[in-house]
Amino acid sequence: MERCEWSDSSDLYRSYHDEEWGVPVYDDQDLFAKLILDGFQAGLSWITILKKRDGFYQAFDDFDPEKMAAYDEARHLKLMQNKAIIRNKLKIKAATTNAQAYLKLKANGQGFSDFLWSFVNQKPVLNTWTNMSQVPATSQESDNMSKALKKLGFKFVGSTICYAFMQAVGMVNDHKVSCPRHEACQKLVRKS
């Protein structure tokens, strides 16, 4: 199997590449969780997040926005003591802020999935890279998503974070065309 090169450095990366990366995600709460995790990745490698992902889900109540929106300073301090996650005060507080912004969006009658997928017109951008060096760090779509999320009050949602998120959740298919996952992920796109 000619995987995308970045996935060959560890078994954890290989399984993430082969099973998750680029698979279209449409569930509101799953998208919320993945956006929070991408925010925690800022300045770090994705392998760091993958190694701690179970710890994150446990520490953040399975990324339940209702529970996270109510986190107070005492809960933030408790999270700062949790070695199973990235203990960054700004990112922890941002997770609470993002949960509040998520709930506000939902309260206004907007589904999170529909909102996020609107930046790619509800269907994945199908790229045809032959080499991973061709893959950009941002795009016009990620710029637009970042601006819109920031306007809603979300934190740690810069364009680079949004682009990595879009790749992860299948809004952008950035598998190389020679990688079997390129076609496999495309087959998983929701038919509207």
N, C-alpha and C. Protein backbone atom coordinates (compact mmCIF):
# COMPACT_ATOMS: atom_id res chain seq x y z
N MET A 1 0.85 -1.18 0.00
CA MET A 1 0.00 0.00 0.00
C MET A 1 0.89 1.24 0.00
N GLU A 2 0.71 2.11 -0.96
CA GLU A 2 1.50 3.33 -1.03
C GLU A 2 0.79 4.46 -0.29
N ARG A 3 0.97 4.44 1.04
CA ARG A 3 0.34 5.45 1.87
C ARG A 3 0.99 6.81 1.66
N CYS A 4 0.30 7.85 2.13
CA CYS A 4 0.90 9.18 2.20
C CYS A 4 2.10 9.08 3.15
N GLU A 5 3.23 9.65 2.76
CA GLU A 5 4.50 9.43 3.46
C GLU A 5 4.45 9.73 4.96
N TRP A 6 3.71 10.76 5.36
CA TRP A 6 3.70 11.15 6.76
C TRP A 6 3.21 10.03 7.69
N SER A 7 2.46 9.10 7.13
CA SER A 7 1.87 8.06 7.98
C SER A 7 2.82 6.90 8.27
N ASP A 8 3.98 6.88 7.64
CA ASP A 8 4.89 5.75 7.82
C ASP A 8 5.80 5.83 9.04
N SER A 9 5.72 6.91 9.80
CA SER A 9 6.66 7.08 10.91
C SER A 9 6.29 6.31 12.17
N SER A 10 5.04 5.83 12.29
CA SER A 10 4.65 5.06 13.47
C SER A 10 3.39 4.24 13.19
N ASP A 11 3.18 3.22 14.00
CA ASP A 11 1.97 2.40 13.87
C ASP A 11 0.72 3.24 14.15
N LEU A 12 0.83 4.15 15.11
CA LEU A 12 -0.30 5.00 15.46
C LEU A 12 -0.70 5.90 14.28
N TYR A 13 0.29 6.50 13.62
CA TYR A 13 0.02 7.30 12.43
C TYR A 13 -0.57 6.45 11.31
N ARG A 14 -0.03 5.24 11.13
CA ARG A 14 -0.52 4.36 10.06
C ARG A 14 -1.99 4.04 10.25
N SER A 15 -2.37 3.66 11.47
CA SER A 15 -3.77 3.30 11.69
C SER A 15 -4.68 4.53 11.58
N TYR A 16 -4.19 5.69 12.03
CA TYR A 16 -4.96 6.93 11.89
C TYR A 16 -5.17 7.25 10.40
N HIS A 17 -4.10 7.14 9.64
CA HIS A 17 -4.17 7.39 8.19
C HIS A 17 -5.13 6.41 7.50
N ASP A 18 -5.01 5.14 7.84
CA ASP A 18 -5.76 4.09 7.15
C ASP A 18 -7.23 4.02 7.56
N GLU A 19 -7.56 4.54 8.75
CA GLU A 19 -8.92 4.38 9.26
C GLU A 19 -9.70 5.68 9.44
N GLU A 20 -8.99 6.80 9.65
CA GLU A 20 -9.69 8.03 10.02
C GLU A 20 -9.43 9.23 9.12
N TRP A 21 -8.17 9.50 8.83
CA TRP A 21 -7.82 10.76 8.17
C TRP A 21 -8.47 10.87 6.80
N GLY A 22 -9.27 11.89 6.62
CA GLY A 22 -9.93 12.10 5.34
C GLY A 22 -11.30 11.47 5.22
N VAL A 23 -11.71 10.71 6.21
CA VAL A 23 -13.04 10.10 6.19
C VAL A 23 -14.07 11.20 6.52
N PRO A 24 -15.04 11.43 5.66
CA PRO A 24 -16.02 12.49 5.92
C PRO A 24 -16.79 12.27 7.24
N VAL A 25 -16.82 13.32 8.05
CA VAL A 25 -17.52 13.31 9.34
C VAL A 25 -18.66 14.32 9.24
N TYR A 26 -19.86 13.90 9.64
CA TYR A 26 -21.03 14.76 9.53
C TYR A 26 -21.74 15.00 10.86
N ASP A 27 -21.34 14.29 11.90
CA ASP A 27 -21.98 14.41 13.20
C ASP A 27 -21.51 15.69 13.91
N ASP A 28 -22.46 16.49 14.39
CA ASP A 28 -22.13 17.76 15.04
C ASP A 28 -21.12 17.60 16.17
N GLN A 29 -21.40 16.69 17.09
CA GLN A 29 -20.52 16.56 18.26
C GLN A 29 -19.16 15.96 17.89
N ASP A 30 -19.11 15.06 16.95
CA ASP A 30 -17.82 14.52 16.49
C ASP A 30 -16.98 15.63 15.85
N LEU A 31 -17.62 16.47 15.07
CA LEU A 31 -16.90 17.59 14.45
C LEU A 31 -16.40 18.56 15.52
N PHE A 32 -17.22 18.82 16.51
CA PHE A 32 -16.82 19.70 17.61
C PHE A 32 -15.59 19.13 18.32
N ALA A 33 -15.63 17.84 18.65
CA ALA A 33 -14.50 17.20 19.33
C ALA A 33 -13.23 17.32 18.51
N LYS A 34 -13.34 17.04 17.23
CA LYS A 34 -12.16 17.09 16.36
C LYS A 34 -11.61 18.51 16.21
N LEU A 35 -12.50 19.50 16.20
CA LEU A 35 -12.04 20.89 16.13
C LEU A 35 -11.29 21.27 17.41
N ILE A 36 -11.79 20.83 18.55
CA ILE A 36 -11.11 21.12 19.83
C ILE A 36 -9.74 20.46 19.83
N LEU A 37 -9.67 19.21 19.41
CA LEU A 37 -8.38 18.50 19.39
C LEU A 37 -7.39 19.19 18.45
N ASP A 38 -7.88 19.66 17.31
CA ASP A 38 -6.98 20.37 16.39
C ASP A 38 -6.49 21.67 17.01
N GLY A 39 -7.33 22.31 17.81
CA GLY A 39 -6.89 23.52 18.51
C GLY A 39 -5.80 23.22 19.52
N PHE A 40 -5.91 22.09 20.19
CA PHE A 40 -4.88 21.69 21.15
C PHE A 40 -3.57 21.34 20.44
N GLN A 41 -3.66 20.96 19.18
CA GLN A 41 -2.45 20.59 18.45
C GLN A 41 -1.59 21.80 18.12
N ALA A 42 -2.15 23.00 18.10
CA ALA A 42 -1.41 24.20 17.69
C ALA A 42 -0.02 24.23 18.32
N GLY A 43 1.00 24.28 17.46
CA GLY A 43 2.38 24.33 17.92
C GLY A 43 2.98 22.98 18.26
N LEU A 44 2.21 21.92 18.11
CA LEU A 44 2.66 20.57 18.45
C LEU A 44 2.47 19.65 17.24
N SER A 45 2.99 18.44 17.35
CA SER A 45 2.76 17.47 16.28
C SER A 45 1.47 16.70 16.56
N TRP A 46 0.85 16.22 15.51
CA TRP A 46 -0.42 15.49 15.66
C TRP A 46 -0.24 14.20 16.44
N ILE A 47 0.94 13.61 16.37
CA ILE A 47 1.17 12.36 17.12
C ILE A 47 1.01 12.58 18.62
N THR A 48 1.36 13.78 19.09
CA THR A 48 1.19 14.12 20.50
C THR A 48 -0.28 14.05 20.89
N ILE A 49 -1.14 14.56 20.03
CA ILE A 49 -2.58 14.54 20.30
C ILE A 49 -3.11 13.11 20.21
N LEU A 50 -2.68 12.36 19.21
CA LEU A 50 -3.14 10.98 19.07
C LEU A 50 -2.80 10.16 20.31
N LYS A 51 -1.61 10.35 20.84
CA LYS A 51 -1.20 9.59 22.03
C LYS A 51 -2.04 9.95 23.25
N LYS A 52 -2.54 11.17 23.28
CA LYS A 52 -3.31 11.63 24.45
C LYS A 52 -4.82 11.70 24.17
N ARG A 53 -5.25 11.26 23.02
CA ARG A 53 -6.65 11.44 22.62
C ARG A 53 -7.62 10.82 23.61
N ASP A 54 -7.37 9.60 24.06
CA ASP A 54 -8.27 8.97 25.03
C ASP A 54 -8.34 9.79 26.31
N GLY A 55 -7.19 10.31 26.74
CA GLY A 55 -7.16 11.16 27.93
C GLY A 55 -8.00 12.41 27.76
N PHE A 56 -7.94 12.99 26.55
CA PHE A 56 -8.76 14.18 26.27
C PHE A 56 -10.24 13.86 26.37
N TYR A 57 -10.64 12.76 25.75
CA TYR A 57 -12.07 12.41 25.80
C TYR A 57 -12.54 12.20 27.23
N GLN A 58 -11.72 11.57 28.04
CA GLN A 58 -12.09 11.34 29.43
C GLN A 58 -12.11 12.66 30.20
N ALA A 59 -11.10 13.48 30.04
CA ALA A 59 -10.98 14.73 30.79
C ALA A 59 -12.07 15.74 30.42
N PHE A 60 -12.48 15.73 29.16
CA PHE A 60 -13.45 16.71 28.68
C PHE A 60 -14.85 16.12 28.48
N ASP A 61 -15.22 15.16 29.33
CA ASP A 61 -16.57 14.60 29.32
C ASP A 61 -17.01 14.19 27.92
N ASP A 62 -16.14 13.46 27.21
CA ASP A 62 -16.42 13.01 25.84
C ASP A 62 -16.76 14.18 24.91
N PHE A 63 -16.21 15.34 25.21
CA PHE A 63 -16.43 16.56 24.43
C PHE A 63 -17.92 16.89 24.31
N ASP A 64 -18.63 16.71 25.42
CA ASP A 64 -20.04 17.09 25.48
C ASP A 64 -20.09 18.61 25.66
N PRO A 65 -20.56 19.34 24.64
CA PRO A 65 -20.55 20.81 24.72
C PRO A 65 -21.36 21.37 25.89
N GLU A 66 -22.46 20.72 26.23
CA GLU A 66 -23.28 21.19 27.35
C GLU A 66 -22.47 21.18 28.65
N LYS A 67 -21.77 20.10 28.89
CA LYS A 67 -20.95 20.01 30.11
C LYS A 67 -19.76 20.94 30.04
N MET A 68 -19.10 20.98 28.89
CA MET A 68 -17.90 21.80 28.76
C MET A 68 -18.20 23.29 28.88
N ALA A 69 -19.35 23.73 28.41
CA ALA A 69 -19.71 25.14 28.47
C ALA A 69 -19.84 25.63 29.91
N ALA A 70 -20.08 24.70 30.83
CA ALA A 70 -20.26 25.05 32.24
C ALA A 70 -18.97 24.96 33.05
N TYR A 71 -17.87 24.58 32.43
CA TYR A 71 -16.61 24.49 33.17
C TYR A 71 -16.26 25.86 33.75
N ASP A 72 -15.88 25.83 35.04
CA ASP A 72 -15.49 27.06 35.71
C ASP A 72 -13.99 27.05 36.00
N GLU A 73 -13.53 28.05 36.72
CA GLU A 73 -12.10 28.17 37.01
C GLU A 73 -11.59 26.96 37.78
N ALA A 74 -12.40 26.43 38.69
CA ALA A 74 -11.98 25.24 39.45
C ALA A 74 -11.77 24.05 38.52
N ARG A 75 -12.66 23.89 37.55
CA ARG A 75 -12.52 22.79 36.60
C ARG A 75 -11.29 23.01 35.71
N HIS A 76 -11.05 24.25 35.33
CA HIS A 76 -9.87 24.56 34.53
C HIS A 76 -8.59 24.21 35.30
N LEU A 77 -8.56 24.55 36.58
CA LEU A 77 -7.39 24.23 37.41
C LEU A 77 -7.19 22.73 37.52
N LYS A 78 -8.30 22.00 37.64
CA LYS A 78 -8.22 20.54 37.70
C LYS A 78 -7.66 19.98 36.39
N LEU A 79 -8.11 20.52 35.29
CA LEU A 79 -7.61 20.08 33.99
C LEU A 79 -6.12 20.39 33.84
N MET A 80 -5.68 21.49 34.41
CA MET A 80 -4.26 21.87 34.35
C MET A 80 -3.37 20.86 35.10
N GLN A 81 -3.97 20.08 35.99
CA GLN A 81 -3.23 19.06 36.74
C GLN A 81 -3.25 17.69 36.06
N ASN A 82 -4.03 17.57 35.00
CA ASN A 82 -4.26 16.28 34.34
C ASN A 82 -3.14 15.99 33.32
N LYS A 83 -2.29 15.04 33.64
CA LYS A 83 -1.16 14.70 32.78
C LYS A 83 -1.57 13.94 31.53
N ALA A 84 -2.84 13.54 31.45
CA ALA A 84 -3.32 12.79 30.28
C ALA A 84 -3.65 13.70 29.10
N ILE A 85 -3.59 15.02 29.32
CA ILE A 85 -3.91 15.97 28.25
C ILE A 85 -2.76 16.98 28.08
N ILE A 86 -2.90 17.86 27.11
CA ILE A 86 -1.97 18.98 26.95
C ILE A 86 -2.40 20.04 27.95
N ARG A 87 -1.52 20.36 28.88
CA ARG A 87 -1.89 21.27 29.97
C ARG A 87 -1.50 22.71 29.62
N ASN A 88 -2.28 23.29 28.75
CA ASN A 88 -2.07 24.66 28.32
C ASN A 88 -3.30 25.46 28.75
N LYS A 89 -3.09 26.42 29.63
CA LYS A 89 -4.20 27.17 30.22
C LYS A 89 -5.07 27.86 29.16
N LEU A 90 -4.43 28.49 28.18
CA LEU A 90 -5.20 29.19 27.15
C LEU A 90 -6.04 28.23 26.32
N LYS A 91 -5.48 27.08 25.99
CA LYS A 91 -6.21 26.09 25.19
C LYS A 91 -7.35 25.46 25.99
N ILE A 92 -7.13 25.25 27.27
CA ILE A 92 -8.18 24.69 28.13
C ILE A 92 -9.34 25.67 28.24
N LYS A 93 -9.03 26.93 28.48
CA LYS A 93 -10.09 27.95 28.57
C LYS A 93 -10.79 28.10 27.22
N ALA A 94 -10.03 28.01 26.13
CA ALA A 94 -10.62 28.11 24.80
C ALA A 94 -11.61 26.98 24.54
N ALA A 95 -11.35 25.81 25.08
CA ALA A 95 -12.28 24.69 24.89
C ALA A 95 -13.65 25.02 25.49
N THR A 96 -13.65 25.67 26.66
CA THR A 96 -14.91 26.10 27.29
C THR A 96 -15.57 27.18 26.45
N THR A 97 -14.80 28.16 26.02
CA THR A 97 -15.32 29.24 25.17
C THR A 97 -15.92 28.67 23.90
N ASN A 98 -15.24 27.69 23.31
CA ASN A 98 -15.72 27.08 22.07
C ASN A 98 -17.01 26.30 22.29
N ALA A 99 -17.12 25.64 23.43
CA ALA A 99 -18.37 24.93 23.73
C ALA A 99 -19.52 25.92 23.86
N GLN A 100 -19.27 27.07 24.47
CA GLN A 100 -20.30 28.10 24.59
C GLN A 100 -20.70 28.64 23.22
N ALA A 101 -19.71 28.87 22.37
CA ALA A 101 -19.99 29.37 21.02
C ALA A 101 -20.77 28.33 20.21
N TYR A 102 -20.40 27.05 20.37
CA TYR A 102 -21.09 25.95 19.69
C TYR A 102 -22.57 25.94 20.10
N LEU A 103 -22.83 26.05 21.40
CA LEU A 103 -24.21 26.01 21.89
C LEU A 103 -25.01 27.23 21.41
N LYS A 104 -24.36 28.37 21.33
CA LYS A 104 -25.02 29.58 20.83
C LYS A 104 -25.42 29.39 19.37
N LEU A 105 -24.52 28.82 18.58
CA LEU A 105 -24.82 28.55 17.17
C LEU A 105 -26.02 27.60 17.05
N LYS A 106 -26.01 26.55 17.86
CA LYS A 106 -27.12 25.58 17.84
C LYS A 106 -28.43 26.23 18.28
N ALA A 107 -28.34 27.10 19.30
CA ALA A 107 -29.54 27.77 19.81
C ALA A 107 -30.15 28.69 18.77
N ASN A 108 -29.32 29.17 17.85
CA ASN A 108 -29.81 30.02 16.76
C ASN A 108 -30.33 29.20 15.58
N GLY A 109 -30.43 27.88 15.79
CA GLY A 109 -31.03 27.01 14.78
C GLY A 109 -30.08 26.52 13.70
N GLN A 110 -28.78 26.72 13.90
CA GLN A 110 -27.78 26.31 12.90
C GLN A 110 -27.10 25.02 13.34
N GLY A 111 -27.16 24.01 12.51
CA GLY A 111 -26.42 22.77 12.80
C GLY A 111 -24.93 23.00 12.58
N PHE A 112 -24.11 22.47 13.47
CA PHE A 112 -22.66 22.67 13.37
C PHE A 112 -22.11 22.03 12.10
N SER A 113 -22.58 20.85 11.79
CA SER A 113 -22.12 20.15 10.59
C SER A 113 -22.48 20.94 9.33
N ASP A 114 -23.73 21.36 9.22
CA ASP A 114 -24.14 22.14 8.05
C ASP A 114 -23.34 23.42 7.92
N PHE A 115 -23.10 24.07 9.07
CA PHE A 115 -22.32 25.31 9.07
C PHE A 115 -20.90 25.06 8.55
N LEU A 116 -20.22 24.06 9.10
CA LEU A 116 -18.83 23.79 8.70
C LEU A 116 -18.73 23.31 7.26
N TRP A 117 -19.61 22.40 6.88
CA TRP A 117 -19.57 21.85 5.52
C TRP A 117 -19.95 22.90 4.47
N SER A 118 -20.60 23.99 4.89
CA SER A 118 -20.97 25.04 3.93
C SER A 118 -19.73 25.69 3.30
N PHE A 119 -18.59 25.62 3.99
CA PHE A 119 -17.38 26.25 3.46
C PHE A 119 -16.80 25.49 2.27
N VAL A 120 -17.29 24.26 2.07
CA VAL A 120 -16.88 23.48 0.89
C VAL A 120 -18.13 23.09 0.07
N ASN A 121 -19.18 23.91 0.20
CA ASN A 121 -20.43 23.67 -0.53
C ASN A 121 -21.00 22.28 -0.30
N GLN A 122 -20.86 21.79 0.92
CA GLN A 122 -21.42 20.51 1.37
C GLN A 122 -20.81 19.28 0.72
N LYS A 123 -19.70 19.45 0.00
CA LYS A 123 -19.03 18.27 -0.57
C LYS A 123 -17.52 18.48 -0.52
N PRO A 124 -16.77 17.40 -0.30
CA PRO A 124 -15.33 17.54 -0.13
C PRO A 124 -14.61 18.12 -1.36
N VAL A 125 -13.59 18.88 -1.07
CA VAL A 125 -12.68 19.34 -2.12
C VAL A 125 -11.79 18.15 -2.44
N LEU A 126 -11.84 17.71 -3.68
CA LEU A 126 -11.06 16.54 -4.10
C LEU A 126 -9.77 17.02 -4.78
N ASN A 127 -8.69 16.96 -4.04
CA ASN A 127 -7.40 17.35 -4.60
C ASN A 127 -6.73 16.16 -5.27
N THR A 128 -5.80 16.43 -6.15
CA THR A 128 -5.14 15.36 -6.90
C THR A 128 -3.62 15.49 -6.79
N TRP A 129 -3.15 15.52 -5.55
CA TRP A 129 -1.71 15.66 -5.31
C TRP A 129 -0.99 14.37 -5.67
N THR A 130 0.19 14.51 -6.23
CA THR A 130 1.04 13.34 -6.51
C THR A 130 2.18 13.27 -5.50
N ASN A 131 2.37 14.35 -4.75
CA ASN A 131 3.44 14.41 -3.77
C ASN A 131 2.94 15.23 -2.59
N MET A 132 3.25 14.80 -1.37
CA MET A 132 2.75 15.50 -0.19
C MET A 132 3.31 16.92 -0.08
N SER A 133 4.41 17.21 -0.75
CA SER A 133 4.96 18.57 -0.71
C SER A 133 4.04 19.57 -1.43
N GLN A 134 3.10 19.07 -2.22
CA GLN A 134 2.15 19.94 -2.92
C GLN A 134 1.01 20.41 -2.01
N VAL A 135 0.81 19.73 -0.90
CA VAL A 135 -0.32 20.01 -0.01
C VAL A 135 -0.10 21.34 0.71
N PRO A 136 -1.08 22.26 0.60
CA PRO A 136 -0.93 23.56 1.26
C PRO A 136 -1.21 23.49 2.76
N ALA A 137 -0.85 24.54 3.46
CA ALA A 137 -1.13 24.64 4.90
C ALA A 137 -2.48 25.32 5.16
N THR A 138 -2.93 26.09 4.16
CA THR A 138 -4.21 26.79 4.27
C THR A 138 -4.85 26.84 2.88
N SER A 139 -6.09 27.28 2.85
CA SER A 139 -6.80 27.47 1.58
C SER A 139 -7.78 28.62 1.75
N GLN A 140 -8.39 29.03 0.67
CA GLN A 140 -9.42 30.07 0.78
C GLN A 140 -10.55 29.59 1.67
N GLU A 141 -10.90 28.31 1.56
CA GLU A 141 -11.97 27.74 2.38
C GLU A 141 -11.61 27.76 3.86
N SER A 142 -10.36 27.42 4.18
CA SER A 142 -9.97 27.43 5.60
C SER A 142 -9.86 28.85 6.12
N ASP A 143 -9.45 29.79 5.26
CA ASP A 143 -9.44 31.21 5.65
C ASP A 143 -10.86 31.65 6.01
N ASN A 144 -11.82 31.30 5.15
CA ASN A 144 -13.21 31.69 5.37
C ASN A 144 -13.79 31.04 6.62
N MET A 145 -13.48 29.76 6.81
CA MET A 145 -13.97 29.06 8.00
C MET A 145 -13.40 29.70 9.26
N SER A 146 -12.12 29.98 9.25
CA SER A 146 -11.46 30.59 10.40
C SER A 146 -12.11 31.93 10.75
N LYS A 147 -12.31 32.77 9.76
CA LYS A 147 -12.93 34.09 10.01
C LYS A 147 -14.33 33.94 10.59
N ALA A 148 -15.10 33.02 10.04
CA ALA A 148 -16.48 32.82 10.50
C ALA A 148 -16.52 32.27 11.93
N LEU A 149 -15.65 31.30 12.23
CA LEU A 149 -15.60 30.75 13.58
C LEU A 149 -15.17 31.80 14.59
N LYS A 150 -14.17 32.59 14.24
CA LYS A 150 -13.72 33.66 15.14
C LYS A 150 -14.83 34.68 15.39
N LYS A 151 -15.59 34.98 14.35
CA LYS A 151 -16.69 35.93 14.49
C LYS A 151 -17.75 35.40 15.47
N LEU A 152 -17.89 34.08 15.53
CA LEU A 152 -18.84 33.46 16.45
C LEU A 152 -18.28 33.32 17.87
N GLY A 153 -16.98 33.65 18.04
CA GLY A 153 -16.39 33.60 19.37
C GLY A 153 -15.46 32.42 19.61
N PHE A 154 -15.24 31.57 18.61
CA PHE A 154 -14.34 30.42 18.77
C PHE A 154 -12.89 30.90 18.87
N LYS A 155 -12.09 30.15 19.61
CA LYS A 155 -10.67 30.42 19.80
C LYS A 155 -9.85 29.25 19.26
N PHE A 156 -8.58 29.51 18.96
CA PHE A 156 -7.66 28.51 18.41
C PHE A 156 -8.25 27.89 17.14
N VAL A 157 -8.69 28.75 16.26
CA VAL A 157 -9.27 28.33 14.99
C VAL A 157 -8.68 29.14 13.84
N GLY A 158 -7.37 29.31 13.86
CA GLY A 158 -6.71 30.00 12.75
C GLY A 158 -6.83 29.18 11.48
N SER A 159 -6.46 29.77 10.37
CA SER A 159 -6.63 29.10 9.08
C SER A 159 -5.86 27.79 8.98
N THR A 160 -4.65 27.74 9.53
CA THR A 160 -3.86 26.50 9.49
C THR A 160 -4.54 25.39 10.29
N ILE A 161 -5.06 25.74 11.47
CA ILE A 161 -5.80 24.77 12.28
C ILE A 161 -7.04 24.31 11.53
N CYS A 162 -7.76 25.26 10.92
CA CYS A 162 -8.97 24.90 10.18
C CYS A 162 -8.64 23.99 9.00
N TYR A 163 -7.53 24.25 8.33
CA TYR A 163 -7.19 23.40 7.18
C TYR A 163 -6.86 21.98 7.63
N ALA A 164 -6.09 21.85 8.71
CA ALA A 164 -5.77 20.52 9.24
C ALA A 164 -7.05 19.80 9.66
N PHE A 165 -7.97 20.54 10.27
CA PHE A 165 -9.27 19.99 10.67
C PHE A 165 -10.04 19.52 9.43
N MET A 166 -10.07 20.36 8.39
CA MET A 166 -10.80 20.00 7.16
C MET A 166 -10.23 18.74 6.52
N GLN A 167 -8.92 18.59 6.56
CA GLN A 167 -8.29 17.37 6.05
C GLN A 167 -8.72 16.17 6.87
N ALA A 168 -8.68 16.32 8.18
CA ALA A 168 -8.97 15.20 9.09
C ALA A 168 -10.40 14.70 8.94
N VAL A 169 -11.35 15.64 8.76
CA VAL A 169 -12.77 15.25 8.73
C VAL A 169 -13.33 15.11 7.32
N GLY A 170 -12.44 15.04 6.34
CA GLY A 170 -12.86 14.72 4.98
C GLY A 170 -13.47 15.86 4.19
N MET A 171 -13.37 17.09 4.68
CA MET A 171 -13.86 18.22 3.89
C MET A 171 -12.91 18.52 2.74
N VAL A 172 -11.68 18.08 2.92
CA VAL A 172 -10.65 18.18 1.89
C VAL A 172 -10.02 16.80 1.77
N ASN A 173 -9.97 16.25 0.59
CA ASN A 173 -9.30 14.96 0.39
C ASN A 173 -7.88 15.26 -0.08
N ASP A 174 -6.94 15.17 0.87
CA ASP A 174 -5.54 15.46 0.57
C ASP A 174 -4.66 14.21 0.56
N HIS A 175 -5.29 13.03 0.46
CA HIS A 175 -4.49 11.83 0.23
C HIS A 175 -3.88 11.94 -1.18
N LYS A 176 -2.67 11.48 -1.34
CA LYS A 176 -2.09 11.43 -2.69
C LYS A 176 -2.97 10.56 -3.58
N VAL A 177 -2.99 10.86 -4.86
CA VAL A 177 -3.82 10.06 -5.76
C VAL A 177 -3.35 8.61 -5.82
N SER A 178 -2.09 8.35 -5.54
CA SER A 178 -1.57 6.97 -5.55
C SER A 178 -1.88 6.22 -4.25
N CYS A 179 -2.39 6.92 -3.26
CA CYS A 179 -2.74 6.29 -1.98
C CYS A 179 -4.13 5.68 -2.10
N PRO A 180 -4.30 4.41 -1.74
CA PRO A 180 -5.63 3.78 -1.83
C PRO A 180 -6.71 4.51 -1.02
N ARG A 181 -6.30 5.25 -0.01
CA ARG A 181 -7.28 5.97 0.81
C ARG A 181 -7.89 7.16 0.05
N HIS A 182 -7.24 7.63 -0.99
CA HIS A 182 -7.78 8.74 -1.78
C HIS A 182 -9.15 8.35 -2.33
N GLU A 183 -9.18 7.23 -3.02
CA GLU A 183 -10.44 6.76 -3.60
C GLU A 183 -11.40 6.24 -2.53
N ALA A 184 -10.86 5.54 -1.52
CA ALA A 184 -11.70 4.97 -0.46
C ALA A 184 -12.46 6.07 0.27
N CYS A 185 -11.82 7.16 0.61
CA CYS A 185 -12.48 8.27 1.31
C CYS A 185 -13.53 8.92 0.42
N GLN A 186 -13.24 9.00 -0.86
CA GLN A 186 -14.20 9.63 -1.78
C GLN A 186 -15.49 8.82 -1.85
N LYS A 187 -15.38 7.52 -1.71
CA LYS A 187 -16.56 6.64 -1.76
C LYS A 187 -17.45 6.81 -0.51
N LEU A 188 -16.89 7.39 0.55
CA LEU A 188 -17.63 7.56 1.79
C LEU A 188 -18.39 8.88 1.88
N VAL A 189 -18.28 9.69 0.85
CA VAL A 189 -18.95 11.00 0.83
C VAL A 189 -20.46 10.80 0.84
N ARG A 190 -21.13 11.57 1.69
CA ARG A 190 -22.59 11.50 1.80
C ARG A 190 -23.22 11.99 0.52
N LYS A 191 -24.14 11.22 0.02
CA LYS A 191 -24.87 11.61 -1.19
C LYS A 191 -26.07 12.48 -0.78
N SER A 192 -26.15 13.67 -1.36
CA SER A 192 -27.25 14.57 -0.97
C SER A 192 -28.41 14.52 -1.93
